[in-house]
């Protein structure tokens, strides 16, 4: 949107270099990803899987350990 306004203003002011540069800003510079995949230059990668049960088991083990440490600390401070 800003490039269109810049281009219009440059043409209105008869600034042809500025108009050309502003118009160039409207051209999307996005490579054709399909071409790279087709020619083998860019290979799609697999999305890693996550095992939520394994992660939850690790979290539970850490929480249990922290709870035991808190209990030991409370026991020592009560003595």
C-alpha atoms as a PDB file:
ATOM      1  CA  UNK A   1       0.000   0.000   0.000  1.00  0.00           C
ATOM      2  CA  UNK A   2       2.784   2.405   0.901  1.00  0.00           C
ATOM      3  CA  UNK A   3       4.641   1.580  -2.327  1.00  0.00           C
ATOM      4  CA  UNK A   4       1.537   2.395  -4.365  1.00  0.00           C
ATOM      5  CA  UNK A   5       1.253   5.775  -2.671  1.00  0.00           C
ATOM      6  CA  UNK A   6       4.963   6.413  -3.196  1.00  0.00           C
ATOM      7  CA  UNK A   7       4.690   5.469  -6.864  1.00  0.00           C
ATOM      8  CA  UNK A   8       1.684   7.734  -7.381  1.00  0.00           C
ATOM      9  CA  UNK A   9       3.379  10.644  -5.639  1.00  0.00           C
ATOM     10  CA  UNK A  10       6.593  10.163  -7.631  1.00  0.00           C
ATOM     11  CA  UNK A  11       4.709  10.097 -10.950  1.00  0.00           C
ATOM     12  CA  UNK A  12       2.719  13.154  -9.890  1.00  0.00           C
ATOM     13  CA  UNK A  13       6.003  14.967  -9.141  1.00  0.00           C
ATOM     14  CA  UNK A  14       7.512  13.683 -12.438  1.00  0.00           C
ATOM     15  CA  UNK A  15      10.234  11.865 -10.495  1.00  0.00           C
ATOM     16  CA  UNK A  16      10.711   8.915 -12.839  1.00  0.00           C
ATOM     17  CA  UNK A  17      13.560   7.305 -10.929  1.00  0.00           C
ATOM     18  CA  UNK A  18      11.593   7.465  -7.699  1.00  0.00           C
ATOM     19  CA  UNK A  19       8.516   6.105  -9.476  1.00  0.00           C
ATOM     20  CA  UNK A  20      10.496   3.172 -10.821  1.00  0.00           C
ATOM     21  CA  UNK A  21      12.043   2.368  -7.455  1.00  0.00           C
ATOM     22  CA  UNK A  22       8.703   2.675  -5.675  1.00  0.00           C
ATOM     23  CA  UNK A  23       7.060   0.441  -8.287  1.00  0.00           C
ATOM     24  CA  UNK A  24       9.814  -2.100  -7.812  1.00  0.00           C
ATOM     25  CA  UNK A  25       8.863  -2.213  -4.127  1.00  0.00           C
ATOM     26  CA  UNK A  26       5.435  -3.519  -5.119  1.00  0.00           C
ATOM     27  CA  UNK A  27       6.881  -6.570  -6.885  1.00  0.00           C
ATOM     28  CA  UNK A  28       6.853  -9.556  -4.547  1.00  0.00           C
ATOM     29  CA  UNK A  29      10.260 -11.186  -4.344  1.00  0.00           C
ATOM     30  CA  UNK A  30       9.293 -14.698  -3.294  1.00  0.00           C
ATOM     31  CA  UNK A  31      11.101 -17.675  -4.771  1.00  0.00           C
ATOM     32  CA  UNK A  32       9.128 -20.448  -6.367  1.00  0.00           C
ATOM     33  CA  UNK A  33       9.489 -23.123  -3.665  1.00  0.00           C
ATOM     34  CA  UNK A  34       7.847 -25.791  -5.839  1.00  0.00           C
ATOM     35  CA  UNK A  35      10.642 -25.434  -8.387  1.00  0.00           C
ATOM     36  CA  UNK A  36      13.286 -26.094  -5.732  1.00  0.00           C
ATOM     37  CA  UNK A  37      11.455 -29.150  -4.425  1.00  0.00           C
ATOM     38  CA  UNK A  38      10.923 -30.504  -7.943  1.00  0.00           C
ATOM     39  CA  UNK A  39      14.616 -30.273  -8.814  1.00  0.00           C
ATOM     40  CA  UNK A  40      15.718 -31.719  -5.490  1.00  0.00           C
ATOM     41  CA  UNK A  41      17.421 -28.563  -4.236  1.00  0.00           C
ATOM     42  CA  UNK A  42      15.029 -28.236  -1.320  1.00  0.00           C
ATOM     43  CA  UNK A  43      13.709 -31.379   0.260  1.00  0.00           C
ATOM     44  CA  UNK A  44      10.655 -31.293   2.503  1.00  0.00           C
ATOM     45  CA  UNK A  45      11.435 -32.454   6.019  1.00  0.00           C
ATOM     46  CA  UNK A  46       9.358 -34.575   8.308  1.00  0.00           C
ATOM     47  CA  UNK A  47       7.644 -32.970  11.260  1.00  0.00           C
ATOM     48  CA  UNK A  48       8.913 -34.498  14.508  1.00  0.00           C
ATOM     49  CA  UNK A  49       6.386 -36.288  16.639  1.00  0.00           C
ATOM     50  CA  UNK A  50       6.001 -35.775  20.351  1.00  0.00           C
ATOM     51  CA  UNK A  51       4.941 -38.415  22.810  1.00  0.00           C
ATOM     52  CA  UNK A  52       2.878 -36.490  25.382  1.00  0.00           C
ATOM     53  CA  UNK A  53       2.807 -39.434  27.797  1.00  0.00           C
ATOM     54  CA  UNK A  54       6.610 -39.535  27.993  1.00  0.00           C
ATOM     55  CA  UNK A  55       6.836 -35.786  28.567  1.00  0.00           C
ATOM     56  CA  UNK A  56       4.154 -35.902  31.254  1.00  0.00           C
ATOM     57  CA  UNK A  57       5.947 -38.768  32.994  1.00  0.00           C
ATOM     58  CA  UNK A  58       9.147 -36.702  33.143  1.00  0.00           C
ATOM     59  CA  UNK A  59       7.272 -33.701  34.522  1.00  0.00           C
ATOM     60  CA  UNK A  60       5.553 -35.854  37.134  1.00  0.00           C
ATOM     61  CA  UNK A  61       8.888 -37.346  38.215  1.00  0.00           C
ATOM     62  CA  UNK A  62      10.439 -33.891  38.632  1.00  0.00           C
ATOM     63  CA  UNK A  63       7.434 -32.613  40.582  1.00  0.00           C
ATOM     64  CA  UNK A  64       7.553 -35.649  42.864  1.00  0.00           C
ATOM     65  CA  UNK A  65      11.264 -35.069  43.497  1.00  0.00           C
ATOM     66  CA  UNK A  66      10.649 -31.384  44.281  1.00  0.00           C
ATOM     67  CA  UNK A  67       7.825 -32.298  46.645  1.00  0.00           C
ATOM     68  CA  UNK A  68      10.051 -34.785  48.480  1.00  0.00           C
ATOM     69  CA  UNK A  69      12.794 -32.165  48.820  1.00  0.00           C
ATOM     70  CA  UNK A  70      10.279 -29.642  50.170  1.00  0.00           C
ATOM     71  CA  UNK A  71       9.057 -32.197  52.713  1.00  0.00           C
ATOM     72  CA  UNK A  72      12.638 -32.933  53.832  1.00  0.00           C
ATOM     73  CA  UNK A  73      13.336 -29.215  54.171  1.00  0.00           C
ATOM     74  CA  UNK A  74      10.172 -28.709  56.231  1.00  0.00           C
ATOM     75  CA  UNK A  75      11.051 -31.692  58.422  1.00  0.00           C
ATOM     76  CA  UNK A  76      14.589 -30.357  59.041  1.00  0.00           C
ATOM     77  CA  UNK A  77      13.364 -26.840  59.843  1.00  0.00           C
ATOM     78  CA  UNK A  78      10.812 -28.229  62.364  1.00  0.00           C
ATOM     79  CA  UNK A  79      13.492 -30.085  64.313  1.00  0.00           C
END
